[in-house]
Amino acid sequence: MIAANTNASYDGCFPGASGSDVISLPAGTYNLTGPAGDDASANGDLDIDPGGGPLTILGSAIDANEQPTSIIDANNVDRAIHVIPDALAGDVQLLALGVRNGNATADGGGLLVGDPDADVVIDTTRWQGNDTTDYGGAVHFGDGVTGSSIYIEQSEFSGNTAGEEGAPSGSTCRMEGAWQRSSTPPSSATARTRWAVRSTSARGR
């Protein structure tokens, strides 16, 4: 991730390209370690810097039960993935991945899109057991500007929790062939819900 963000070699990884990068994850579970609070991918979540150029994280095969075999496990030390703000528009694709056990005290238990002009595609993924005390148990994309978007297709959201809300909202969030399990609206302002996705950005893809 650091090599892709900086377009320089890092810890035996080839430097990222000045154009698009693809990080291919073979089948297996990739456990993240803490502490949280780092925005340079050194610890905790995987931080994606749009300044490094468009990025695709591509998992391996889908198994016989149609589940991803490449899994990012945040181990409840931090959220799993964070697209950090940058002057350049973030172009991010998350494909054929499992993302689980993210934990955040701010928005986005699994994924926080913090870049307001990002364009994010999520396809053939499974988001499970992610949690936040704020908005978007699995995915949160807020404060987007005109032209930003998030597109979710063929993805499952299961057992994700949010202290506020996380159901799809705002015209930017477009979901096709995606489904949620255990998704219940809050019964009070302080209810811990199982809503998964929240988007408040500007328009749909």
Protein backbone atom coordinates (compact mmCIF):
# COMPACT_ATOMS: atom_id res chain seq x y z
CA MET A 1 0.00 0.00 0.00
CA ILE A 2 2.79 2.42 0.87
CA ALA A 3 4.53 1.72 -2.45
CA ALA A 4 1.29 2.45 -4.32
CA ASN A 5 0.65 5.64 -2.33
CA THR A 6 4.13 7.07 -2.75
CA ASN A 7 5.06 5.58 -6.16
CA ALA A 8 8.34 4.54 -4.56
CA SER A 9 9.73 1.14 -3.56
CA TYR A 10 9.04 0.07 0.01
CA ASP A 11 10.01 -2.99 2.04
CA GLY A 12 10.76 -5.12 -1.02
CA CYS A 13 7.73 -3.96 -3.02
CA PHE A 14 8.22 -2.46 -6.44
CA PRO A 15 7.35 1.24 -6.72
CA GLY A 16 3.80 2.09 -7.67
CA ALA A 17 3.16 3.39 -11.15
CA SER A 18 2.58 7.05 -11.83
CA GLY A 19 -0.70 5.93 -13.40
CA SER A 20 -2.98 3.16 -12.14
CA ASP A 21 -1.86 0.53 -9.63
CA VAL A 22 -3.33 -2.92 -8.92
CA ILE A 23 -2.65 -4.70 -5.64
CA SER A 24 -3.49 -8.39 -6.12
CA LEU A 25 -4.21 -10.37 -2.96
CA PRO A 26 -3.90 -14.16 -3.23
CA ALA A 27 -6.41 -16.26 -1.32
CA GLY A 28 -5.90 -16.01 2.43
CA THR A 29 -6.62 -13.83 5.44
CA TYR A 30 -4.65 -10.61 5.86
CA ASN A 31 -4.67 -9.55 9.50
CA LEU A 32 -4.14 -5.88 10.31
CA THR A 33 -2.30 -4.81 13.45
CA GLY A 34 -2.60 -1.66 15.54
CA PRO A 35 -2.45 0.87 16.86
CA ALA A 36 -5.12 2.92 15.12
CA GLY A 37 -4.77 6.58 14.22
CA ASP A 38 -2.12 6.34 11.50
CA ASP A 39 -2.86 7.80 8.02
CA ALA A 40 0.27 6.47 6.30
CA SER A 41 -0.54 2.72 6.24
CA ALA A 42 2.19 2.00 8.78
CA ASN A 43 -0.25 0.70 11.42
CA GLY A 44 -3.93 -0.08 11.72
CA ASP A 45 -6.08 0.46 8.65
CA LEU A 46 -4.99 0.40 5.01
CA ASP A 47 -4.75 4.07 4.06
CA ILE A 48 -5.26 4.85 0.38
CA ASP A 49 -3.77 8.17 -0.73
CA PRO A 50 -5.38 9.41 -3.98
CA GLY A 51 -2.17 11.34 -4.66
CA GLY A 52 -0.57 8.04 -5.64
CA GLY A 53 -2.99 7.63 -8.56
CA PRO A 54 -5.96 5.31 -9.22
CA LEU A 55 -5.82 2.10 -7.18
CA THR A 56 -7.49 -1.30 -7.44
CA ILE A 57 -7.29 -3.88 -4.65
CA LEU A 58 -8.12 -7.18 -6.33
CA GLY A 59 -8.84 -10.38 -4.48
CA SER A 60 -8.40 -13.91 -5.75
CA ALA A 61 -11.05 -16.47 -6.59
CA ILE A 62 -14.62 -16.68 -5.34
CA ASP A 63 -15.33 -20.03 -3.66
CA ALA A 64 -18.17 -22.51 -4.32
CA ASN A 65 -20.38 -20.61 -1.88
CA GLU A 66 -19.79 -17.39 -3.83
CA GLN A 67 -17.66 -15.92 -1.04
CA PRO A 68 -14.37 -14.06 -1.54
CA THR A 69 -11.27 -16.03 -0.58
CA SER A 70 -9.07 -12.95 -0.07
CA ILE A 71 -10.02 -11.45 3.30
CA ILE A 72 -8.85 -8.28 5.03
CA ASP A 73 -9.37 -8.79 8.77
CA ALA A 74 -8.97 -5.61 10.82
CA ASN A 75 -8.96 -7.59 14.10
CA ASN A 76 -11.05 -4.86 15.75
CA VAL A 77 -7.96 -2.64 16.11
CA ASP A 78 -9.13 -0.05 13.55
CA ARG A 79 -11.37 0.26 10.51
CA ALA A 80 -10.09 -1.81 7.59
CA ILE A 81 -9.68 0.75 4.78
CA HIS A 82 -9.49 4.56 4.70
CA VAL A 83 -9.41 6.71 1.55
CA ILE A 84 -7.70 9.80 2.92
CA PRO A 85 -8.42 13.35 1.67
CA ASP A 86 -6.21 14.64 -1.13
CA ALA A 87 -6.23 17.43 -3.69
CA LEU A 88 -6.54 14.80 -6.44
CA ALA A 89 -9.80 12.88 -6.91
CA GLY A 90 -9.60 9.39 -5.47
CA ASP A 91 -10.28 6.59 -7.97
CA VAL A 92 -10.56 3.37 -5.97
CA GLN A 93 -11.85 -0.11 -6.81
CA LEU A 94 -12.31 -2.88 -4.24
CA LEU A 95 -12.98 -6.15 -6.06
CA ALA A 96 -13.49 -9.75 -4.90
CA LEU A 97 -12.65 -9.05 -1.27
CA GLY A 98 -13.89 -9.94 2.18
CA VAL A 99 -13.62 -7.14 4.75
CA ARG A 100 -14.34 -8.00 8.36
CA ASN A 101 -13.89 -7.00 12.00
CA GLY A 102 -13.27 -3.32 11.38
CA ASN A 103 -13.81 -1.16 14.43
CA ALA A 104 -13.89 2.64 14.56
CA THR A 105 -14.97 5.33 16.98
CA ALA A 106 -15.64 7.65 14.03
CA ASP A 107 -17.47 7.11 10.71
CA GLY A 108 -16.95 3.95 8.68
CA GLY A 109 -16.30 0.74 10.58
CA GLY A 110 -15.07 -1.14 7.49
CA LEU A 111 -14.38 1.62 4.95
CA LEU A 112 -14.22 5.38 5.36
CA VAL A 113 -14.11 7.39 2.15
CA GLY A 114 -12.70 10.64 3.48
CA ASP A 115 -11.80 12.11 0.08
CA PRO A 116 -14.79 14.30 -0.91
CA ASP A 117 -14.28 13.97 -4.67
CA ALA A 118 -13.60 10.23 -4.74
CA ASP A 119 -15.03 7.76 -7.24
CA VAL A 120 -15.32 4.37 -5.54
CA VAL A 121 -16.39 1.01 -7.01
CA ILE A 122 -17.11 -1.96 -4.71
CA ASP A 123 -17.86 -5.21 -6.54
CA THR A 124 -18.16 -8.87 -5.46
CA THR A 125 -17.33 -8.22 -1.82
CA ARG A 126 -18.48 -9.34 1.63
CA TRP A 127 -18.55 -6.97 4.61
CA GLN A 128 -18.98 -8.78 7.90
CA GLY A 129 -18.79 -7.86 11.57
CA ASN A 130 -17.64 -4.25 11.12
CA ASP A 131 -18.60 -1.72 13.79
CA THR A 132 -18.60 1.99 14.47
CA THR A 133 -20.07 4.12 17.22
CA ASP A 134 -20.89 6.72 14.55
CA TYR A 135 -22.18 6.43 10.95
CA GLY A 136 -21.78 3.56 8.47
CA GLY A 137 -21.05 0.24 10.15
CA ALA A 138 -19.45 -1.17 7.00
CA VAL A 139 -19.06 1.79 4.61
CA HIS A 140 -19.30 5.56 5.02
CA PHE A 141 -18.86 8.21 2.33
CA GLY A 142 -19.83 11.68 3.53
CA ASP A 143 -19.40 15.27 2.41
CA GLY A 144 -18.91 14.36 -1.23
CA VAL A 145 -18.80 17.08 -3.86
CA THR A 146 -20.48 17.16 -7.26
CA GLY A 147 -18.99 14.43 -9.42
CA SER A 148 -18.10 12.06 -6.61
CA SER A 149 -19.75 8.64 -6.45
CA ILE A 150 -19.81 5.23 -4.83
CA TYR A 151 -21.08 2.19 -6.71
CA ILE A 152 -21.74 -1.13 -4.97
CA GLU A 153 -22.56 -4.33 -6.87
CA GLN A 154 -22.90 -8.03 -5.98
CA SER A 155 -21.87 -7.47 -2.37
CA GLU A 156 -23.11 -8.81 0.95
CA PHE A 157 -23.34 -6.87 4.21
CA SER A 158 -23.79 -9.01 7.29
CA GLY A 159 -23.63 -8.28 11.02
CA ASN A 160 -22.30 -4.73 10.70
CA THR A 161 -23.27 -2.26 13.44
CA ALA A 162 -23.43 1.52 13.71
CA GLY A 163 -24.21 3.79 16.63
CA GLU A 164 -26.04 6.28 14.40
CA GLU A 165 -27.20 5.13 10.96
CA GLY A 166 -25.84 3.36 7.93
CA ALA A 167 -28.60 2.52 5.49
CA PRO A 168 -28.07 3.79 1.93
CA SER A 169 -28.92 7.48 1.81
CA GLY A 170 -28.09 10.33 -0.54
CA SER A 171 -28.27 10.06 -4.32
CA THR A 172 -24.63 9.08 -4.72
CA CYS A 173 -24.94 5.58 -3.31
CA ARG A 174 -26.01 3.18 -6.04
CA MET A 175 -26.36 -0.50 -5.15
CA GLU A 176 -27.05 -3.30 -7.65
CA GLY A 177 -27.28 -6.93 -6.63
CA ALA A 178 -26.14 -6.05 -3.11
CA TRP A 179 -27.92 -7.30 -0.04
CA GLN A 180 -27.91 -6.77 3.69
CA ARG A 181 -28.69 -9.10 6.56
CA SER A 182 -29.74 -8.06 10.06
CA SER A 183 -30.44 -4.51 8.89
CA THR A 184 -32.74 -2.74 11.34
CA PRO A 185 -33.44 0.99 11.73
CA PRO A 186 -32.62 2.57 15.11
CA SER A 187 -35.41 2.65 17.68
CA SER A 188 -33.92 5.71 19.37
CA ALA A 189 -31.18 8.27 18.82
CA THR A 190 -28.75 6.18 20.83
CA ALA A 191 -29.68 2.79 19.41
CA ARG A 192 -26.90 0.50 18.21
CA THR A 193 -28.10 -0.50 14.77
CA ARG A 194 -27.09 -3.07 12.20
CA TRP A 195 -27.18 -0.73 9.26
CA ALA A 196 -24.27 -1.12 6.89
CA VAL A 197 -23.84 1.69 4.35
CA ARG A 198 -24.17 5.46 4.55
CA SER A 199 -23.49 7.95 1.78
CA THR A 200 -24.21 11.67 1.83
CA SER A 201 -22.30 12.68 -1.26
CA ALA A 202 -23.48 14.58 -4.23
CA ARG A 203 -24.73 12.33 -7.01
CA GLY A 204 -25.05 8.78 -8.30
CA ARG A 205 -22.73 7.01 -10.65
